[in-house]
Amino acid sequence: MNAKRHDVIIIGGGHNGLVAARYLAQAGLRVLVLEKRRAFGGPAAKVEWMPGYFCSVSNSPGSLEPKIVKDMELERHGLTFVKPDPTLVHPLEDGRLFVGWRDPERGARQLDSYAQGESGRYRALFAYLEDFAVKLGISVFDVPPTLSQLTRNLTSAADEEAFSRIFFGSARALFDDFLHSDEAKAVIGPMAVVSGQVSPSTPGTPLNLMMRPLSIASVALDDGYDPRRMPLRGSTGLPIGGMGAIMDAMVASARAAGATLIRDMGVRSIRINGSRVEGVVTETGEEIDAPIVISAINPRMTLLDLIEPHADWKELQDKIGSKSMRGKAFKLILALDAAPRYAAAQDDAEATALASAQFRIAPTLDYLEESHADMMLGRAPQNPVIWGLCPSMTSPGMAPEGKHVMSMNIGNAPYDLKEGTWTEERVRLVSRCIATAARWIPNLPDIVHDYRCIDPTQFESEYGLVEANITHGDTLPWNQFWMRPLSGLSDYRTPTSGLYLSGAGTWPGNFVSGIPGHNTAHAVLKDLSARRISTATRHTVSLAN
């Protein structure tokens, strides 16, 4: 591979590595992406779990940035969406469902049935978060702000109160301030605890609700739009072909821009000479030269596994070596002989519509609290929190004709069990998850004919997700902004000239958004423009979007 000189080597062909590759190749750089696994896309890659049954670890494109879709021209490279209606089913107690229909009036009527005027209070809560995001005046499409930059616009007592509520308060307290009904609180609850070993009562959890408002405010900063008049990203829909279709389009986009993508090739180490990076050594022992290297894998793996002990890195390596990743991922894939049917469905048409939507099982905030308590005590949860989807309802090719595949992401599975092993425990958790879903989908146990699962230890060994943390570290206040992934290592640059970090472990984290890949690529381009680094070949480099 050294026969062709490379300007940039990207370690890791997950979605952020692919995003960075597209921007840099489009700018005129000669980019090489090395992916250890057999498929590009990391947890968003399409997998055949059982013969004819496909899905990805990631279920939803809800975090995918419209800017990334547009800049990478993903629709031109084959990506299409279907817009199911409803978009969400959230089971509640007593067999009831909150259904997220696209008609806002239908949603409002449901909320108001829980408590008079609840829909207005629900809207007021999210308007409060969006207004605060605008007030902060920061962009997720830039390096993370320092503490002084983050608070520079907070000049009133109301601003300071909002900061305290969101950064130091809990999601439960915030919900109590705005909402009257337990049902409305339950519908929002899972979004507040999606990242990190936290419960609704954990301080800092409101920040999980800020990712979408910050994104909308960031676009407003760049383009001059009023963020409250922009559509929410959930309106995008579901990709035809599942999340793997997004990865296929990203691969095609990066290659069309001129990037070289190679799979089944892991990296053993990053080559550093003095204060500069020189390239990488593959797991087969091949040395590949490049003056710019981006590691788009977990920062902890980068620092501890790929970089030899070095004076410039010692303090950072010591810090990250003692830092817990605090993960909780468990995956369950069900092969179904028929479509799942909610007991609350009024007729066949409604049954099909409900089964086509994403679902979240966490019927009360107390359910979330109890599930979290089990995890913290080293037990698989008696109350599994389930984020699910039946992708074959909207993409029939994901399962054999007449069959379906159900994809469940289970929260609060402890990486370290207090008693026993995951080899023993995972079968019991699978049964508990099916039984839990059957409270609202009673035909589910009878239509399951096979399953596969990934326990937390397998997430680490097979996907490189340290301690089963899907976001490479909590996205709560103590691990965001200038602290992501570490203080002194937050702007994608490193102590070694030409070596950069990317991926979900860098700002702003999140799930399948593509923002870290975008930001790292632009940090490289800015440094090239300022002549802080140089390329391997003489050619014109243009700043990308």
Protein backbone atom coordinates (compact mmCIF):
# COMPACT_ATOMS: atom_id res chain seq x y z
CA MET A 1 0.00 0.00 0.00
CA ASN A 2 2.96 2.33 0.36
CA ALA A 3 3.37 2.19 -3.41
CA LYS A 4 0.70 4.87 -3.38
CA ARG A 5 1.55 7.70 -1.04
CA HIS A 6 -1.18 8.51 1.45
CA ASP A 7 -1.84 11.89 2.99
CA VAL A 8 -4.17 10.54 5.65
CA ILE A 9 -4.69 7.15 7.29
CA ILE A 10 -7.95 6.71 9.20
CA ILE A 11 -8.04 3.91 11.75
CA GLY A 12 -11.55 2.53 11.97
CA GLY A 13 -14.23 2.37 9.30
CA GLY A 14 -17.18 3.10 11.55
CA HIS A 15 -19.53 5.88 10.52
CA ASN A 16 -17.31 8.66 11.87
CA GLY A 17 -14.28 7.30 10.05
CA LEU A 18 -16.30 7.19 6.83
CA VAL A 19 -17.58 10.74 7.34
CA ALA A 20 -14.05 12.06 7.92
CA ALA A 21 -12.82 10.17 4.85
CA ARG A 22 -15.43 11.77 2.61
CA TYR A 23 -14.67 15.34 3.72
CA LEU A 24 -10.90 14.90 3.45
CA ALA A 25 -10.97 13.08 0.12
CA GLN A 26 -13.36 15.67 -1.26
CA ALA A 27 -10.85 18.34 -0.22
CA GLY A 28 -8.19 16.68 -2.39
CA LEU A 29 -6.34 14.51 0.13
CA ARG A 30 -5.32 10.93 -0.53
CA VAL A 31 -7.15 9.03 2.19
CA LEU A 32 -6.78 5.41 3.32
CA VAL A 33 -9.33 3.89 5.74
CA LEU A 34 -8.35 0.69 7.58
CA GLU A 35 -11.16 -1.30 9.20
CA LYS A 36 -10.44 -4.30 11.41
CA ARG A 37 -13.80 -5.99 10.95
CA ARG A 38 -15.30 -7.58 7.84
CA ALA A 39 -17.85 -4.80 7.43
CA PHE A 40 -17.67 -1.02 7.50
CA GLY A 41 -19.99 0.87 9.80
CA GLY A 42 -19.26 -0.55 13.25
CA PRO A 43 -22.47 -1.13 15.24
CA ALA A 44 -24.51 0.39 12.39
CA ALA A 45 -23.33 -2.22 9.85
CA LYS A 46 -25.84 -4.67 8.45
CA VAL A 47 -25.44 -8.19 9.89
CA GLU A 48 -27.07 -11.48 8.94
CA TRP A 49 -27.72 -12.88 12.41
CA MET A 50 -29.61 -15.97 11.25
CA PRO A 51 -30.03 -17.18 7.65
CA GLY A 52 -32.16 -14.54 5.92
CA TYR A 53 -32.58 -12.31 9.01
CA PHE A 54 -30.76 -8.97 8.92
CA CYS A 55 -30.45 -5.90 11.11
CA SER A 56 -27.81 -3.74 12.78
CA VAL A 57 -26.86 -3.23 16.39
CA SER A 58 -28.00 0.38 15.98
CA ASN A 59 -31.74 0.68 15.33
CA SER A 60 -32.49 4.31 14.64
CA PRO A 61 -31.17 7.16 12.48
CA GLY A 62 -32.62 9.67 14.95
CA SER A 63 -29.18 11.16 15.69
CA LEU A 64 -28.01 11.29 12.05
CA GLU A 65 -27.25 14.89 11.15
CA PRO A 66 -29.11 16.27 8.10
CA LYS A 67 -25.98 18.29 7.33
CA ILE A 68 -23.96 15.08 7.04
CA VAL A 69 -26.59 13.48 4.80
CA LYS A 70 -26.53 16.54 2.55
CA ASP A 71 -22.74 17.05 2.43
CA MET A 72 -22.06 13.37 1.70
CA GLU A 73 -24.87 13.24 -0.88
CA LEU A 74 -26.08 10.01 0.70
CA GLU A 75 -29.37 9.97 -1.16
CA ARG A 76 -27.47 10.17 -4.46
CA HIS A 77 -25.54 7.12 -3.27
CA GLY A 78 -28.66 5.04 -2.74
CA LEU A 79 -30.04 6.05 0.64
CA THR A 80 -33.82 6.36 0.80
CA PHE A 81 -36.19 6.73 3.73
CA VAL A 82 -39.69 5.56 4.49
CA LYS A 83 -41.78 7.58 6.93
CA PRO A 84 -43.88 5.29 9.09
CA ASP A 85 -46.84 6.75 10.93
CA PRO A 86 -46.68 6.50 13.90
CA THR A 87 -42.97 6.94 14.54
CA LEU A 88 -42.99 5.66 18.14
CA VAL A 89 -44.91 3.36 20.44
CA HIS A 90 -44.28 3.76 24.16
CA PRO A 91 -46.12 1.20 26.31
CA LEU A 92 -47.54 2.42 29.61
CA GLU A 93 -48.99 0.58 32.57
CA ASP A 94 -52.31 -1.29 32.38
CA GLY A 95 -51.77 -2.25 28.74
CA ARG A 96 -52.03 1.32 27.45
CA LEU A 97 -49.83 2.83 24.73
CA PHE A 98 -48.59 6.32 24.03
CA VAL A 99 -48.44 6.46 20.24
CA GLY A 100 -46.31 9.07 18.50
CA TRP A 101 -48.46 9.81 15.46
CA ARG A 102 -47.11 12.34 12.96
CA ASP A 103 -50.23 14.45 13.44
CA PRO A 104 -49.28 16.60 16.47
CA GLU A 105 -52.92 17.00 17.44
CA ARG A 106 -53.24 13.25 18.03
CA GLY A 107 -50.23 13.35 20.33
CA ALA A 108 -51.58 16.40 22.14
CA ARG A 109 -54.91 14.68 22.80
CA GLN A 110 -53.14 11.72 24.37
CA LEU A 111 -51.04 13.94 26.61
CA ASP A 112 -54.05 15.98 27.68
CA SER A 113 -55.89 12.78 28.57
CA TYR A 114 -53.24 12.15 31.22
CA ALA A 115 -53.66 15.62 32.77
CA GLN A 116 -55.54 18.66 31.51
CA GLY A 117 -53.16 21.02 29.69
CA GLU A 118 -50.30 18.47 29.66
CA SER A 119 -49.57 18.89 25.95
CA GLY A 120 -48.84 22.59 26.49
CA ARG A 121 -46.54 21.81 29.40
CA TYR A 122 -44.82 19.11 27.32
CA ARG A 123 -44.15 21.63 24.54
CA ALA A 124 -42.97 24.18 27.10
CA LEU A 125 -40.36 21.76 28.44
CA PHE A 126 -38.77 21.24 25.05
CA ALA A 127 -39.05 24.94 24.19
CA TYR A 128 -37.17 25.62 27.44
CA LEU A 129 -34.35 23.28 26.36
CA GLU A 130 -34.24 24.71 22.84
CA ASP A 131 -34.16 28.29 24.11
CA PHE A 132 -31.31 27.42 26.46
CA ALA A 133 -29.38 25.82 23.60
CA VAL A 134 -29.76 29.03 21.60
CA LYS A 135 -28.68 31.07 24.62
CA LEU A 136 -25.46 29.05 25.01
CA GLY A 137 -24.46 30.08 21.48
CA ILE A 138 -22.16 27.10 20.89
CA SER A 139 -21.92 24.85 17.85
CA VAL A 140 -21.66 21.08 17.84
CA PHE A 141 -19.90 21.51 14.48
CA ASP A 142 -16.81 23.02 16.11
CA VAL A 143 -14.31 22.10 18.80
CA PRO A 144 -15.98 21.85 22.21
CA PRO A 145 -16.25 25.03 24.27
CA THR A 146 -14.21 25.64 27.38
CA LEU A 147 -16.04 26.36 30.62
CA SER A 148 -15.69 30.11 30.14
CA GLN A 149 -16.96 29.87 26.55
CA LEU A 150 -19.88 27.68 27.61
CA THR A 151 -21.09 30.17 30.21
CA ARG A 152 -20.18 33.46 28.54
CA ASN A 153 -23.76 34.27 27.47
CA LEU A 154 -25.41 33.34 30.77
CA THR A 155 -25.94 36.83 32.12
CA SER A 156 -29.26 36.67 33.96
CA ALA A 157 -30.56 34.85 37.01
CA ALA A 158 -32.88 32.84 34.71
CA ASP A 159 -29.88 31.78 32.61
CA GLU A 160 -27.99 30.61 35.68
CA GLU A 161 -31.04 28.75 36.95
CA ALA A 162 -31.37 26.93 33.63
CA PHE A 163 -27.68 26.03 33.70
CA SER A 164 -28.04 24.58 37.21
CA ARG A 165 -31.17 22.64 36.30
CA ILE A 166 -29.62 21.06 33.21
CA PHE A 167 -26.03 20.49 34.31
CA PHE A 168 -26.46 19.82 38.04
CA GLY A 169 -30.10 18.79 38.42
CA SER A 170 -31.77 15.52 37.50
CA ALA A 171 -34.18 14.64 34.72
CA ARG A 172 -36.76 13.61 37.32
CA ALA A 173 -36.59 17.03 38.98
CA LEU A 174 -36.86 18.80 35.62
CA PHE A 175 -39.89 16.71 34.66
CA ASP A 176 -41.52 17.44 38.01
CA ASP A 177 -41.03 21.17 37.43
CA PHE A 178 -42.84 21.09 34.07
CA LEU A 179 -45.16 18.08 33.88
CA HIS A 180 -48.12 16.86 35.95
CA SER A 181 -48.64 13.31 34.71
CA ASP A 182 -46.55 10.21 35.33
CA GLU A 183 -47.31 9.11 31.76
CA ALA A 184 -45.75 12.15 30.08
CA LYS A 185 -42.68 11.82 32.29
CA ALA A 186 -42.38 8.15 31.36
CA VAL A 187 -42.47 8.92 27.63
CA ILE A 188 -39.44 11.24 27.92
CA GLY A 189 -37.62 9.26 30.60
CA PRO A 190 -35.63 6.81 28.43
CA MET A 191 -34.10 9.65 26.41
CA ALA A 192 -32.63 11.12 29.59
CA VAL A 193 -30.86 7.89 30.60
CA VAL A 194 -29.83 6.56 27.20
CA SER A 195 -26.11 7.15 27.79
CA GLY A 196 -24.27 6.19 30.93
CA GLN A 197 -25.03 4.24 34.05
CA VAL A 198 -27.65 6.69 35.26
CA SER A 199 -31.24 6.81 36.41
CA PRO A 200 -33.76 9.66 36.07
CA SER A 201 -32.64 10.86 39.52
CA THR A 202 -28.95 11.12 38.58
CA PRO A 203 -27.62 14.70 38.45
CA GLY A 204 -26.73 15.85 34.94
CA THR A 205 -29.20 13.63 33.07
CA PRO A 206 -31.06 16.59 31.47
CA LEU A 207 -27.99 17.08 29.27
CA ASN A 208 -28.98 13.91 27.38
CA LEU A 209 -32.09 15.81 26.29
CA MET A 210 -29.95 18.68 24.95
CA MET A 211 -28.30 16.91 22.00
CA ARG A 212 -31.13 17.66 19.57
CA PRO A 213 -31.65 21.27 20.75
CA LEU A 214 -27.89 21.91 20.49
CA SER A 215 -27.85 20.50 16.97
CA ILE A 216 -30.80 22.64 15.88
CA ALA A 217 -29.24 25.74 17.47
CA SER A 218 -25.93 24.98 15.75
CA VAL A 219 -27.55 24.97 12.33
CA ALA A 220 -29.24 28.24 13.24
CA LEU A 221 -25.86 29.75 14.06
CA ASP A 222 -24.44 28.66 10.73
CA ASP A 223 -27.37 29.45 8.44
CA GLY A 224 -29.38 32.12 10.18
CA TYR A 225 -32.55 30.07 10.61
CA ASP A 226 -34.91 30.27 13.57
CA PRO A 227 -34.38 26.83 15.14
CA ARG A 228 -37.95 26.65 16.43
CA ARG A 229 -39.21 26.68 12.84
CA MET A 230 -37.04 23.76 11.73
CA PRO A 231 -38.36 20.18 11.56
CA LEU A 232 -37.15 17.73 14.17
CA ARG A 233 -34.80 15.06 12.92
CA GLY A 234 -37.26 12.32 13.80
CA SER A 235 -39.26 13.34 10.72
CA THR A 236 -36.55 11.79 8.55
CA GLY A 237 -38.06 8.33 8.95
CA LEU A 238 -36.38 4.93 8.71
CA PRO A 239 -33.80 3.95 6.08
CA ILE A 240 -34.97 1.38 3.56
CA GLY A 241 -32.60 -1.51 4.14
CA GLY A 242 -32.03 -0.62 7.78
CA MET A 243 -29.14 1.25 9.35
CA GLY A 244 -26.75 -0.73 7.19
CA ALA A 245 -28.13 1.14 4.16
CA ILE A 246 -26.79 4.38 5.67
CA MET A 247 -23.37 2.77 6.03
CA ASP A 248 -23.49 1.44 2.46
CA ALA A 249 -24.23 4.96 1.20
CA MET A 250 -21.39 6.40 3.31
CA VAL A 251 -18.96 3.82 1.91
CA ALA A 252 -20.06 4.67 -1.64
CA SER A 253 -19.77 8.39 -0.93
CA ALA A 254 -16.25 8.13 0.50
CA ARG A 255 -15.09 5.98 -2.41
CA ALA A 256 -16.68 8.32 -4.95
CA ALA A 257 -14.65 11.17 -3.44
CA GLY A 258 -11.46 9.15 -3.96
CA ALA A 259 -10.87 7.52 -0.56
CA THR A 260 -9.42 4.01 -0.41
CA LEU A 261 -11.28 1.74 2.02
CA ILE A 262 -9.82 -1.58 3.16
CA ARG A 263 -11.54 -3.99 5.55
CA ASP A 264 -10.17 -7.01 7.44
CA MET A 265 -7.09 -4.97 8.28
CA GLY A 266 -6.53 -3.94 11.88
CA VAL A 267 -3.83 -1.63 13.16
CA ARG A 268 -1.27 -2.85 15.70
CA SER A 269 0.35 0.49 16.49
CA ILE A 270 0.71 4.13 15.48
CA ARG A 271 4.24 5.07 14.43
CA ILE A 272 5.55 8.20 16.12
CA ASN A 273 8.99 9.73 15.55
CA GLY A 274 9.77 12.40 18.11
CA SER A 275 6.86 14.82 18.07
CA ARG A 276 5.40 13.77 14.71
CA VAL A 277 3.32 10.87 13.45
CA GLU A 278 4.73 8.83 10.58
CA GLY A 279 2.04 6.24 9.89
CA VAL A 280 0.81 2.92 11.25
CA VAL A 281 1.78 -0.71 11.59
CA THR A 282 -0.95 -3.17 10.66
CA GLU A 283 -1.72 -6.35 12.57
CA THR A 284 0.09 -8.27 9.82
CA GLY A 285 3.25 -6.21 10.43
CA GLU A 286 3.05 -3.98 7.36
CA GLU A 287 4.22 -0.39 7.82
CA ILE A 288 2.14 2.23 6.01
CA ASP A 289 3.39 5.80 5.83
CA ALA A 290 1.31 8.96 6.17
CA PRO A 291 1.99 12.35 7.77
CA ILE A 292 -1.60 12.52 9.08
CA VAL A 293 -3.30 9.76 11.08
CA ILE A 294 -6.84 9.88 12.51
CA SER A 295 -7.88 7.27 15.04
CA ALA A 296 -11.66 6.91 14.91
CA ILE A 297 -11.87 4.13 17.50
CA ASN A 298 -12.34 4.37 21.26
CA PRO A 299 -9.81 6.94 22.58
CA ARG A 300 -8.88 4.61 25.42
CA MET A 301 -7.88 1.89 22.96
CA THR A 302 -5.96 4.45 20.91
CA LEU A 303 -3.95 5.75 23.85
CA LEU A 304 -3.30 2.46 25.60
CA ASP A 305 -3.13 -0.09 22.76
CA LEU A 306 -1.82 1.81 19.73
CA ILE A 307 0.58 4.39 21.19
CA GLU A 308 3.80 3.21 22.78
CA PRO A 309 4.85 4.80 26.11
CA HIS A 310 6.05 8.29 25.29
CA ALA A 311 6.90 11.35 27.38
CA ASP A 312 4.34 13.49 25.55
CA TRP A 313 1.60 10.97 26.28
CA LYS A 314 2.35 9.65 29.77
CA GLU A 315 -0.02 11.90 31.74
CA LEU A 316 -2.89 11.36 29.29
CA GLN A 317 -2.32 7.61 29.18
CA ASP A 318 -2.35 7.45 32.99
CA LYS A 319 -5.60 9.43 33.10
CA ILE A 320 -7.45 7.40 30.53
CA GLY A 321 -6.16 4.13 31.98
CA SER A 322 -7.94 4.86 35.26
CA LYS A 323 -11.14 6.09 33.61
CA SER A 324 -14.15 3.76 33.58
CA MET A 325 -16.22 3.49 30.41
CA ARG A 326 -19.34 2.49 32.42
CA GLY A 327 -21.21 0.65 29.67
CA LYS A 328 -24.49 -1.27 29.75
CA ALA A 329 -25.22 -2.66 26.27
CA PHE A 330 -27.06 -5.91 25.52
CA LYS A 331 -28.50 -6.83 22.11
CA LEU A 332 -31.30 -9.24 21.27
CA ILE A 333 -32.39 -10.21 17.74
CA LEU A 334 -35.55 -12.27 17.28
CA ALA A 335 -36.50 -14.25 14.18
CA LEU A 336 -40.30 -14.13 13.97
CA ASP A 337 -42.75 -16.32 12.06
CA ALA A 338 -45.31 -13.49 11.82
CA ALA A 339 -45.70 -9.79 12.51
CA PRO A 340 -45.85 -8.69 16.16
CA ARG A 341 -49.29 -7.46 17.16
CA TYR A 342 -50.03 -5.05 20.01
CA ALA A 343 -53.04 -6.00 22.12
CA ALA A 344 -54.23 -2.39 21.96
CA ALA A 345 -54.50 -2.40 18.14
CA GLN A 346 -58.07 -1.69 17.04
CA ASP A 347 -57.82 -3.49 13.69
CA ASP A 348 -55.35 -5.05 11.25
CA ALA A 349 -54.36 -1.70 9.73
CA GLU A 350 -53.55 -0.21 13.10
CA ALA A 351 -51.72 -3.38 14.11
CA THR A 352 -49.46 -3.04 11.06
CA ALA A 353 -48.88 0.66 11.70
CA LEU A 354 -47.94 0.11 15.34
CA ALA A 355 -45.63 -2.79 14.51
CA SER A 356 -43.80 -0.61 11.96
CA ALA A 357 -42.81 2.00 14.54
CA GLN A 358 -39.92 2.08 16.93
CA PHE A 359 -40.84 1.19 20.49
CA ARG A 360 -39.43 1.94 23.93
CA ILE A 361 -40.34 -0.16 26.95
CA ALA A 362 -40.01 1.69 30.24
CA PRO A 363 -43.58 2.34 31.42
CA THR A 364 -42.72 4.52 34.43
CA LEU A 365 -39.81 6.50 35.84
CA ASP A 366 -39.74 4.08 38.77
CA TYR A 367 -39.27 1.23 36.28
CA LEU A 368 -36.14 3.02 35.06
CA GLU A 369 -34.95 3.58 38.62
CA GLU A 370 -35.38 -0.07 39.56
CA SER A 371 -33.63 -1.26 36.40
CA HIS A 372 -30.73 1.06 37.17
CA ALA A 373 -30.54 -0.20 40.76
CA ASP A 374 -30.19 -3.79 39.56
CA MET A 375 -27.36 -2.79 37.24
CA MET A 376 -25.49 -0.90 39.95
CA LEU A 377 -25.71 -3.98 42.17
CA GLY A 378 -24.23 -6.14 39.42
CA ARG A 379 -27.47 -7.89 38.49
CA ALA A 380 -29.12 -8.30 35.10
CA PRO A 381 -32.25 -6.14 35.34
CA GLN A 382 -35.59 -7.59 36.34
CA ASN A 383 -37.07 -4.59 34.51
CA PRO A 384 -35.25 -4.56 31.16
CA VAL A 385 -35.34 -1.20 29.39
CA ILE A 386 -35.94 -2.00 25.73
CA TRP A 387 -35.40 0.14 22.62
CA GLY A 388 -36.87 -1.90 19.80
CA LEU A 389 -37.76 -1.97 16.13
CA CYS A 390 -39.08 -4.51 13.64
CA PRO A 391 -37.17 -3.26 10.55
CA SER A 392 -38.65 -5.88 8.24
CA MET A 393 -42.03 -4.14 8.56
CA THR A 394 -40.70 -1.22 6.48
CA SER A 395 -37.85 -3.06 4.70
CA PRO A 396 -39.21 -6.49 3.70
CA GLY A 397 -35.79 -7.70 2.49
CA MET A 398 -34.56 -7.80 6.09
CA ALA A 399 -36.32 -11.14 6.67
CA PRO A 400 -37.57 -14.05 4.54
CA GLU A 401 -40.93 -13.58 2.86
CA GLY A 402 -43.73 -13.78 5.39
CA LYS A 403 -41.28 -13.59 8.29
CA HIS A 404 -39.96 -10.72 10.39
CA VAL A 405 -36.95 -9.72 12.44
CA MET A 406 -37.19 -7.79 15.70
CA SER A 407 -34.18 -5.84 16.95
CA MET A 408 -33.99 -5.01 20.66
CA ASN A 409 -31.36 -2.90 22.40
CA ILE A 410 -31.48 -3.61 26.12
CA GLY A 411 -30.34 -1.02 28.64
CA ASN A 412 -28.88 -1.53 32.12
CA ALA A 413 -27.00 -4.78 31.56
CA PRO A 414 -23.96 -4.58 33.88
CA TYR A 415 -20.58 -5.28 32.30
CA ASP A 416 -19.44 -6.95 35.52
CA LEU A 417 -21.92 -9.36 37.08
CA LYS A 418 -21.76 -9.75 40.84
CA GLU A 419 -22.58 -13.44 40.58
CA GLY A 420 -22.20 -15.88 37.72
CA THR A 421 -21.17 -15.16 34.14
CA TRP A 422 -22.86 -13.72 31.09
CA THR A 423 -22.69 -17.15 29.44
CA GLU A 424 -25.17 -18.28 32.09
CA GLU A 425 -27.12 -15.06 32.55
CA ARG A 426 -27.81 -14.03 28.97
CA VAL A 427 -30.33 -16.83 28.34
CA ARG A 428 -32.33 -15.74 31.39
CA LEU A 429 -32.23 -12.09 30.29
CA VAL A 430 -33.41 -13.03 26.80
CA SER A 431 -36.43 -14.83 28.28
CA ARG A 432 -37.16 -11.85 30.53
CA CYS A 433 -37.03 -9.40 27.61
CA ILE A 434 -39.46 -11.47 25.54
CA ALA A 435 -41.81 -11.83 28.50
CA THR A 436 -41.62 -8.09 29.19
CA ALA A 437 -42.49 -7.15 25.60
CA ALA A 438 -45.30 -9.72 25.64
CA ARG A 439 -47.15 -7.63 28.24
CA TRP A 440 -48.14 -5.37 25.32
CA ILE A 441 -47.38 -7.69 22.35
CA PRO A 442 -49.03 -10.92 23.54
CA ASN A 443 -48.35 -12.95 20.39
CA LEU A 444 -44.59 -12.43 20.63
CA PRO A 445 -43.59 -15.60 22.54
CA ASP A 446 -45.53 -17.80 20.11
CA ILE A 447 -43.95 -16.35 16.95
CA VAL A 448 -40.27 -16.44 18.04
CA HIS A 449 -38.55 -19.37 16.36
CA ASP A 450 -34.90 -18.37 16.88
CA TYR A 451 -32.77 -15.63 18.42
CA ARG A 452 -29.25 -14.28 18.76
CA CYS A 453 -27.88 -12.00 21.46
CA ILE A 454 -24.73 -10.04 22.28
CA ASP A 455 -23.90 -9.68 25.95
CA PRO A 456 -21.71 -6.84 27.34
CA THR A 457 -18.50 -8.90 27.27
CA GLN A 458 -19.14 -9.83 23.62
CA PHE A 459 -19.71 -6.18 22.73
CA GLU A 460 -16.21 -5.50 23.98
CA SER A 461 -14.49 -8.48 22.32
CA GLU A 462 -16.36 -8.40 18.98
CA TYR A 463 -17.04 -4.67 18.46
CA GLY A 464 -14.25 -3.01 20.43
CA LEU A 465 -16.77 -1.29 22.70
CA VAL A 466 -14.76 -0.99 25.90
CA GLU A 467 -16.86 -2.08 28.90
CA ALA A 468 -19.83 -2.32 26.48
CA ASN A 469 -20.12 1.46 26.23
CA ILE A 470 -21.73 2.17 22.86
CA THR A 471 -20.83 5.89 22.97
CA HIS A 472 -17.21 5.30 24.12
CA GLY A 473 -17.95 7.09 27.38
CA ASP A 474 -20.93 8.75 29.06
CA THR A 475 -22.40 11.82 27.38
CA LEU A 476 -23.19 13.47 30.71
CA PRO A 477 -21.72 16.81 31.92
CA TRP A 478 -18.70 15.26 33.62
CA ASN A 479 -17.62 13.71 30.33
CA GLN A 480 -18.63 16.30 27.74
CA PHE A 481 -17.33 19.57 26.27
CA TRP A 482 -13.71 20.15 27.37
CA MET A 483 -13.73 16.81 29.24
CA ARG A 484 -14.37 14.59 26.18
CA PRO A 485 -12.45 12.32 26.07
CA LEU A 486 -10.08 14.00 28.56
CA SER A 487 -9.17 17.46 29.70
CA GLY A 488 -6.32 18.55 27.44
CA LEU A 489 -7.39 16.20 24.64
CA SER A 490 -10.74 17.58 23.58
CA ASP A 491 -10.18 19.46 20.30
CA TYR A 492 -9.42 16.36 18.16
CA ARG A 493 -5.72 17.27 18.12
CA THR A 494 -3.12 15.44 20.20
CA PRO A 495 0.38 16.11 21.59
CA THR A 496 1.77 14.41 18.46
CA SER A 497 1.73 16.60 15.35
CA GLY A 498 -0.39 15.05 12.61
CA LEU A 499 -2.20 12.63 14.94
CA TYR A 500 -5.91 13.25 15.56
CA LEU A 501 -8.78 11.60 17.42
CA SER A 502 -12.32 11.08 16.21
CA GLY A 503 -15.29 8.81 16.84
CA ALA A 504 -18.04 8.74 19.45
CA GLY A 505 -15.49 9.17 22.26
CA THR A 506 -14.83 12.72 21.09
CA TRP A 507 -17.09 15.78 21.21
CA PRO A 508 -20.07 15.76 20.95
CA GLY A 509 -20.32 11.99 21.25
CA ASN A 510 -23.89 10.89 20.69
CA PHE A 511 -24.81 7.89 18.56
CA VAL A 512 -24.90 7.68 14.74
CA SER A 513 -24.62 11.42 14.11
CA GLY A 514 -21.41 11.73 12.07
CA ILE A 515 -20.52 15.00 13.81
CA PRO A 516 -17.19 13.85 15.33
CA GLY A 517 -16.04 12.68 11.90
CA HIS A 518 -17.04 16.02 10.39
CA ASN A 519 -15.27 17.98 13.12
CA THR A 520 -12.04 16.00 13.02
CA ALA A 521 -11.82 16.34 9.25
CA HIS A 522 -12.25 20.09 9.53
CA ALA A 523 -9.62 20.32 12.28
CA VAL A 524 -7.19 18.63 9.86
CA LEU A 525 -8.13 20.98 7.03
CA LYS A 526 -7.71 24.04 9.24
CA ASP A 527 -4.28 22.87 10.36
CA LEU A 528 -3.25 22.26 6.75
CA SER A 529 -4.47 25.73 5.79
CA ALA A 530 -2.48 27.25 8.66
CA ARG A 531 0.57 25.13 7.66
CA ARG A 532 0.75 23.50 11.09
CA ILE A 533 0.93 20.15 9.30
CA SER A 534 1.69 19.11 5.72
CA THR A 535 0.67 16.38 3.30
CA ALA A 536 2.75 13.60 1.78
CA THR A 537 2.25 14.86 -1.77
CA ARG A 538 2.18 18.26 -3.39
CA HIS A 539 -1.32 19.07 -4.47
CA THR A 540 -4.03 21.61 -3.79
CA VAL A 541 -6.16 21.11 -0.69
CA SER A 542 -9.47 22.93 -0.48
CA LEU A 543 -11.49 23.48 2.68
CA ALA A 544 -14.63 21.30 2.64
CA ASN A 545 -18.09 22.35 3.77
